[in-house]
Amino acid sequence: MAAALMAIRFYSKSDTHREFSNCRAVRRKFELHPELKAMLLATGEEELIESVPTDTYWGVGRDGTGLNLLGKIIARIRVELRVGG
């Protein structure tokens, strides 16, 4: 039982680190490319969806039930860019 809990905690830390690293990289992409930043800001408040049929972690997957973490990260960056420039 303890080993299973350790594995769950490790997996959770790994995911958090992966999401943080991806968020930094994506933010930097929009900072370095003003044309992409403008395109992102032009989406207004629309939901952003990473539509990759084989990825249910970063995207929505084939059936649309995935986590869409990349879409959520980009939406959060959109808000940050709008507020802080």
Protein backbone atom coordinates (compact mmCIF):
# COMPACT_ATOMS: atom_id res chain seq x y z
CA MET A 1 0.00 0.00 0.00
CA ALA A 2 2.77 2.48 0.92
CA ALA A 3 4.56 1.76 -2.36
CA ALA A 4 1.40 2.54 -4.30
CA LEU A 5 0.98 5.84 -2.46
CA MET A 6 4.61 6.74 -3.15
CA ALA A 7 4.07 6.06 -6.84
CA ILE A 8 0.99 8.29 -6.89
CA ARG A 9 2.84 11.13 -5.16
CA PHE A 10 5.80 10.81 -7.54
CA TYR A 11 3.51 10.81 -10.55
CA SER A 12 1.78 13.91 -9.26
CA LYS A 13 5.10 15.74 -8.73
CA SER A 14 6.24 14.71 -12.18
CA ASP A 15 3.06 16.05 -13.77
CA THR A 16 3.32 19.33 -11.87
CA HIS A 17 6.91 19.80 -13.00
CA ARG A 18 6.01 18.94 -16.60
CA GLU A 19 3.12 21.41 -16.58
CA PHE A 20 5.28 24.16 -15.06
CA SER A 21 8.04 23.62 -17.61
CA ASN A 22 5.57 23.61 -20.47
CA CYS A 23 3.93 26.79 -19.15
CA ARG A 24 7.28 28.60 -19.06
CA ALA A 25 8.13 27.46 -22.59
CA VAL A 26 4.75 28.45 -24.01
CA ARG A 27 4.84 31.84 -22.28
CA ARG A 28 8.31 32.47 -23.73
CA LYS A 29 7.06 31.59 -27.20
CA PHE A 30 4.45 34.36 -27.02
CA GLU A 31 6.96 36.82 -25.53
CA LEU A 32 9.42 36.25 -28.39
CA HIS A 33 6.89 36.32 -31.22
CA PRO A 34 4.67 39.43 -31.17
CA GLU A 35 2.61 38.16 -34.12
CA LEU A 36 1.67 35.02 -32.15
CA LYS A 37 0.89 37.12 -29.09
CA ALA A 38 -1.43 39.30 -31.19
CA MET A 39 -3.15 36.21 -32.60
CA LEU A 40 -3.63 34.80 -29.10
CA LEU A 41 -5.04 38.03 -27.72
CA ALA A 42 -7.39 38.25 -30.70
CA THR A 43 -9.09 35.04 -29.54
CA GLY A 44 -10.81 37.08 -26.81
CA GLU A 45 -12.40 34.80 -24.26
CA GLU A 46 -12.84 31.79 -26.53
CA GLU A 47 -12.05 28.39 -25.08
CA LEU A 48 -8.72 27.15 -26.41
CA ILE A 49 -8.59 23.47 -27.31
CA GLU A 50 -5.58 21.35 -28.20
CA SER A 51 -7.24 19.00 -30.65
CA VAL A 52 -4.94 16.00 -31.03
CA PRO A 53 -6.82 12.70 -31.37
CA THR A 54 -4.06 10.68 -29.70
CA ASP A 55 -3.36 12.96 -26.70
CA THR A 56 -5.76 13.06 -23.77
CA TYR A 57 -3.29 14.73 -21.41
CA TRP A 58 -2.27 17.91 -23.27
CA GLY A 59 -5.28 17.79 -25.60
CA VAL A 60 -8.87 16.62 -25.67
CA GLY A 61 -8.24 13.31 -27.41
CA ARG A 62 -10.38 11.62 -30.02
CA ASP A 63 -13.61 11.73 -28.02
CA GLY A 64 -13.17 15.23 -26.54
CA THR A 65 -12.90 14.07 -22.93
CA GLY A 66 -9.17 14.69 -22.47
CA LEU A 67 -7.67 17.09 -19.94
CA ASN A 68 -6.72 19.75 -22.51
CA LEU A 69 -3.91 21.01 -20.29
CA LEU A 70 -2.14 22.81 -23.13
CA GLY A 71 -5.31 24.71 -24.00
CA LYS A 72 -5.73 25.68 -20.35
CA ILE A 73 -2.08 26.78 -20.07
CA ILE A 74 -2.39 28.95 -23.17
CA ALA A 75 -5.65 30.46 -21.89
CA ARG A 76 -3.95 31.31 -18.58
CA ILE A 77 -1.04 32.91 -20.45
CA ARG A 78 -3.54 34.90 -22.54
CA VAL A 79 -4.97 36.40 -19.36
CA GLU A 80 -1.49 37.17 -18.03
CA LEU A 81 -0.47 38.84 -21.29
CA ARG A 82 -3.67 40.89 -21.35
CA VAL A 83 -3.18 42.08 -17.77
CA GLY A 84 0.58 42.49 -17.70
CA GLY A 85 1.47 43.06 -21.29
